[in-house]
C-alpha atoms as a PDB file:
ATOM      1  CA  UNK A   1       0.405  19.172  10.474  1.00  0.00           C
ATOM      2  CA  UNK A   2       1.956  19.076   6.996  1.00  0.00           C
ATOM      3  CA  UNK A   3       5.279  18.171   8.376  1.00  0.00           C
ATOM      4  CA  UNK A   4       3.809  15.251  10.267  1.00  0.00           C
ATOM      5  CA  UNK A   5       2.002  13.954   7.132  1.00  0.00           C
ATOM      6  CA  UNK A   6       5.105  14.305   5.127  1.00  0.00           C
ATOM      7  CA  UNK A   7       7.042  12.151   7.673  1.00  0.00           C
ATOM      8  CA  UNK A   8       4.266   9.552   7.705  1.00  0.00           C
ATOM      9  CA  UNK A   9       4.291   9.307   3.957  1.00  0.00           C
ATOM     10  CA  UNK A  10       8.033   9.081   3.969  1.00  0.00           C
ATOM     11  CA  UNK A  11       8.086   6.302   6.607  1.00  0.00           C
ATOM     12  CA  UNK A  12       5.400   4.438   4.790  1.00  0.00           C
ATOM     13  CA  UNK A  13       7.254   4.606   1.545  1.00  0.00           C
ATOM     14  CA  UNK A  14      10.673   3.594   3.077  1.00  0.00           C
ATOM     15  CA  UNK A  15       9.232   0.708   4.889  1.00  0.00           C
ATOM     16  CA  UNK A  16       7.266  -0.305   1.767  1.00  0.00           C
ATOM     17  CA  UNK A  17      10.314  -0.279  -0.429  1.00  0.00           C
ATOM     18  CA  UNK A  18      12.411  -2.120   2.128  1.00  0.00           C
ATOM     19  CA  UNK A  19       9.818  -4.889   2.380  1.00  0.00           C
ATOM     20  CA  UNK A  20       9.093  -5.050  -1.316  1.00  0.00           C
ATOM     21  CA  UNK A  21      12.761  -5.831  -1.963  1.00  0.00           C
ATOM     22  CA  UNK A  22      12.709  -8.959   0.401  1.00  0.00           C
ATOM     23  CA  UNK A  23      12.957 -12.374  -0.999  1.00  0.00           C
ATOM     24  CA  UNK A  24       9.782 -13.886   0.573  1.00  0.00           C
ATOM     25  CA  UNK A  25       6.311 -13.383  -0.761  1.00  0.00           C
ATOM     26  CA  UNK A  26       4.577 -12.230   2.460  1.00  0.00           C
ATOM     27  CA  UNK A  27       7.026  -9.247   3.097  1.00  0.00           C
ATOM     28  CA  UNK A  28       6.707  -8.292  -0.533  1.00  0.00           C
ATOM     29  CA  UNK A  29       2.856  -8.289  -0.290  1.00  0.00           C
ATOM     30  CA  UNK A  30       3.172  -6.170   2.984  1.00  0.00           C
ATOM     31  CA  UNK A  31       5.579  -3.820   1.341  1.00  0.00           C
ATOM     32  CA  UNK A  32       3.317  -3.186  -1.697  1.00  0.00           C
ATOM     33  CA  UNK A  33       0.319  -2.737   0.686  1.00  0.00           C
ATOM     34  CA  UNK A  34       2.376  -0.012   2.605  1.00  0.00           C
ATOM     35  CA  UNK A  35       3.266   1.671  -0.736  1.00  0.00           C
ATOM     36  CA  UNK A  36      -0.266   1.806  -1.656  1.00  0.00           C
ATOM     37  CA  UNK A  37      -1.132   3.354   1.641  1.00  0.00           C
ATOM     38  CA  UNK A  38       1.656   5.942   1.020  1.00  0.00           C
ATOM     39  CA  UNK A  39       0.338   6.723  -2.333  1.00  0.00           C
ATOM     40  CA  UNK A  40      -3.286   7.066  -1.123  1.00  0.00           C
ATOM     41  CA  UNK A  41      -2.236   9.343   1.696  1.00  0.00           C
ATOM     42  CA  UNK A  42      -0.286  11.456  -0.824  1.00  0.00           C
ATOM     43  CA  UNK A  43      -3.310  11.820  -3.152  1.00  0.00           C
ATOM     44  CA  UNK A  44      -5.544  12.588  -0.239  1.00  0.00           C
ATOM     45  CA  UNK A  45      -3.210  15.363   0.953  1.00  0.00           C
ATOM     46  CA  UNK A  46      -3.106  16.812  -2.555  1.00  0.00           C
ATOM     47  CA  UNK A  47      -6.522  18.175  -1.971  1.00  0.00           C
ATOM     48  CA  UNK A  48      -5.155  20.335   0.841  1.00  0.00           C
ATOM     49  CA  UNK A  49      -5.582  19.673   4.647  1.00  0.00           C
ATOM     50  CA  UNK A  50      -8.528  21.595   5.933  1.00  0.00           C
ATOM     51  CA  UNK A  51     -10.795  20.958   8.951  1.00  0.00           C
ATOM     52  CA  UNK A  52     -14.425  21.949   9.470  1.00  0.00           C
ATOM     53  CA  UNK A  53     -15.087  22.669   5.827  1.00  0.00           C
ATOM     54  CA  UNK A  54     -17.679  20.685   3.783  1.00  0.00           C
ATOM     55  CA  UNK A  55     -16.653  18.227   1.150  1.00  0.00           C
ATOM     56  CA  UNK A  56     -19.268  19.521  -1.300  1.00  0.00           C
ATOM     57  CA  UNK A  57     -19.919  22.955  -2.578  1.00  0.00           C
ATOM     58  CA  UNK A  58     -22.353  24.831  -0.397  1.00  0.00           C
ATOM     59  CA  UNK A  59     -23.199  28.473   0.359  1.00  0.00           C
ATOM     60  CA  UNK A  60     -19.929  28.871   2.266  1.00  0.00           C
ATOM     61  CA  UNK A  61     -16.835  30.240   0.451  1.00  0.00           C
ATOM     62  CA  UNK A  62     -14.452  27.333   1.487  1.00  0.00           C
ATOM     63  CA  UNK A  63     -14.937  23.728   0.615  1.00  0.00           C
ATOM     64  CA  UNK A  64     -12.600  20.761   0.359  1.00  0.00           C
ATOM     65  CA  UNK A  65     -11.793  19.457  -3.122  1.00  0.00           C
ATOM     66  CA  UNK A  66     -13.846  16.117  -3.397  1.00  0.00           C
ATOM     67  CA  UNK A  67     -11.862  14.760  -6.294  1.00  0.00           C
ATOM     68  CA  UNK A  68      -8.933  13.448  -4.287  1.00  0.00           C
ATOM     69  CA  UNK A  69     -11.243  11.829  -1.745  1.00  0.00           C
ATOM     70  CA  UNK A  70     -13.042  10.030  -4.593  1.00  0.00           C
ATOM     71  CA  UNK A  71      -9.696   8.961  -6.094  1.00  0.00           C
ATOM     72  CA  UNK A  72      -8.592   7.564  -2.768  1.00  0.00           C
ATOM     73  CA  UNK A  73     -11.772   5.665  -2.118  1.00  0.00           C
ATOM     74  CA  UNK A  74     -11.513   4.108  -5.496  1.00  0.00           C
ATOM     75  CA  UNK A  75      -7.782   3.215  -4.907  1.00  0.00           C
ATOM     76  CA  UNK A  76      -8.556   1.691  -1.515  1.00  0.00           C
ATOM     77  CA  UNK A  77     -11.126  -0.625  -3.137  1.00  0.00           C
ATOM     78  CA  UNK A  78      -8.736  -1.580  -5.974  1.00  0.00           C
ATOM     79  CA  UNK A  79      -5.876  -2.011  -3.481  1.00  0.00           C
ATOM     80  CA  UNK A  80      -7.913  -4.468  -1.356  1.00  0.00           C
ATOM     81  CA  UNK A  81      -8.652  -6.532  -4.430  1.00  0.00           C
ATOM     82  CA  UNK A  82      -5.013  -6.444  -5.572  1.00  0.00           C
ATOM     83  CA  UNK A  83      -3.837  -7.526  -2.027  1.00  0.00           C
ATOM     84  CA  UNK A  84      -6.341 -10.352  -1.927  1.00  0.00           C
ATOM     85  CA  UNK A  85      -5.273 -11.661  -5.424  1.00  0.00           C
ATOM     86  CA  UNK A  86      -1.570 -11.439  -4.414  1.00  0.00           C
ATOM     87  CA  UNK A  87      -2.338 -13.360  -1.264  1.00  0.00           C
ATOM     88  CA  UNK A  88      -4.141 -16.183  -3.168  1.00  0.00           C
ATOM     89  CA  UNK A  89      -1.348 -16.228  -5.773  1.00  0.00           C
ATOM     90  CA  UNK A  90       1.251 -16.542  -3.005  1.00  0.00           C
ATOM     91  CA  UNK A  91      -0.541 -19.225  -1.267  1.00  0.00           C
ATOM     92  CA  UNK A  92      -0.882 -21.214  -4.536  1.00  0.00           C
ATOM     93  CA  UNK A  93       2.839 -20.763  -5.219  1.00  0.00           C
ATOM     94  CA  UNK A  94       3.716 -21.986  -1.731  1.00  0.00           C
ATOM     95  CA  UNK A  95       1.626 -25.131  -2.159  1.00  0.00           C
ATOM     96  CA  UNK A  96       2.947 -25.874  -5.591  1.00  0.00           C
ATOM     97  CA  UNK A  97       6.612 -25.161  -4.932  1.00  0.00           C
ATOM     98  CA  UNK A  98       6.884 -25.956  -1.236  1.00  0.00           C
ATOM     99  CA  UNK A  99       8.486 -22.666  -0.193  1.00  0.00           C
ATOM    100  CA  UNK A 100       7.591 -18.968  -0.190  1.00  0.00           C
ATOM    101  CA  UNK A 101      10.679 -17.649  -1.936  1.00  0.00           C
ATOM    102  CA  UNK A 102       9.862 -15.018  -4.649  1.00  0.00           C
ATOM    103  CA  UNK A 103      11.889 -16.944  -7.254  1.00  0.00           C
ATOM    104  CA  UNK A 104      10.506 -20.323  -6.314  1.00  0.00           C
ATOM    105  CA  UNK A 105      14.001 -21.479  -5.407  1.00  0.00           C
ATOM    106  CA  UNK A 106      14.698 -23.095  -2.123  1.00  0.00           C
ATOM    107  CA  UNK A 107      17.434 -21.110  -0.355  1.00  0.00           C
ATOM    108  CA  UNK A 108      18.340 -23.752   2.051  1.00  0.00           C
ATOM    109  CA  UNK A 109      21.328 -25.948   1.158  1.00  0.00           C
ATOM    110  CA  UNK A 110      20.574 -29.585   0.748  1.00  0.00           C
ATOM    111  CA  UNK A 111      22.754 -31.258   3.411  1.00  0.00           C
ATOM    112  CA  UNK A 112      24.038 -34.809   2.508  1.00  0.00           C
ATOM    113  CA  UNK A 113      23.007 -37.518   4.900  1.00  0.00           C
END
């Protein structure tokens, strides 16, 4: 189980970095979102993977650490807000500049007519 989670985190990180280095705004937003999912999953796994144990302290000897779960829930909310802000910013830049390039420069060559 730990190997599978590690592979998933590695794939999410790799895809996120690849997309974040692109020149267009939508792939950059998607890449940052994938990176945030990878970080959230990493933080969640830091609390150890256990099944069938309660998240709060009870009469049983084993319990899951609730702090990583609380951190991930907070990070998910902040991530949604950040993604929405980046989408609005990208849409505004596209309407102002006429393209979605990250530098605001048009990459197409102007062809003389």
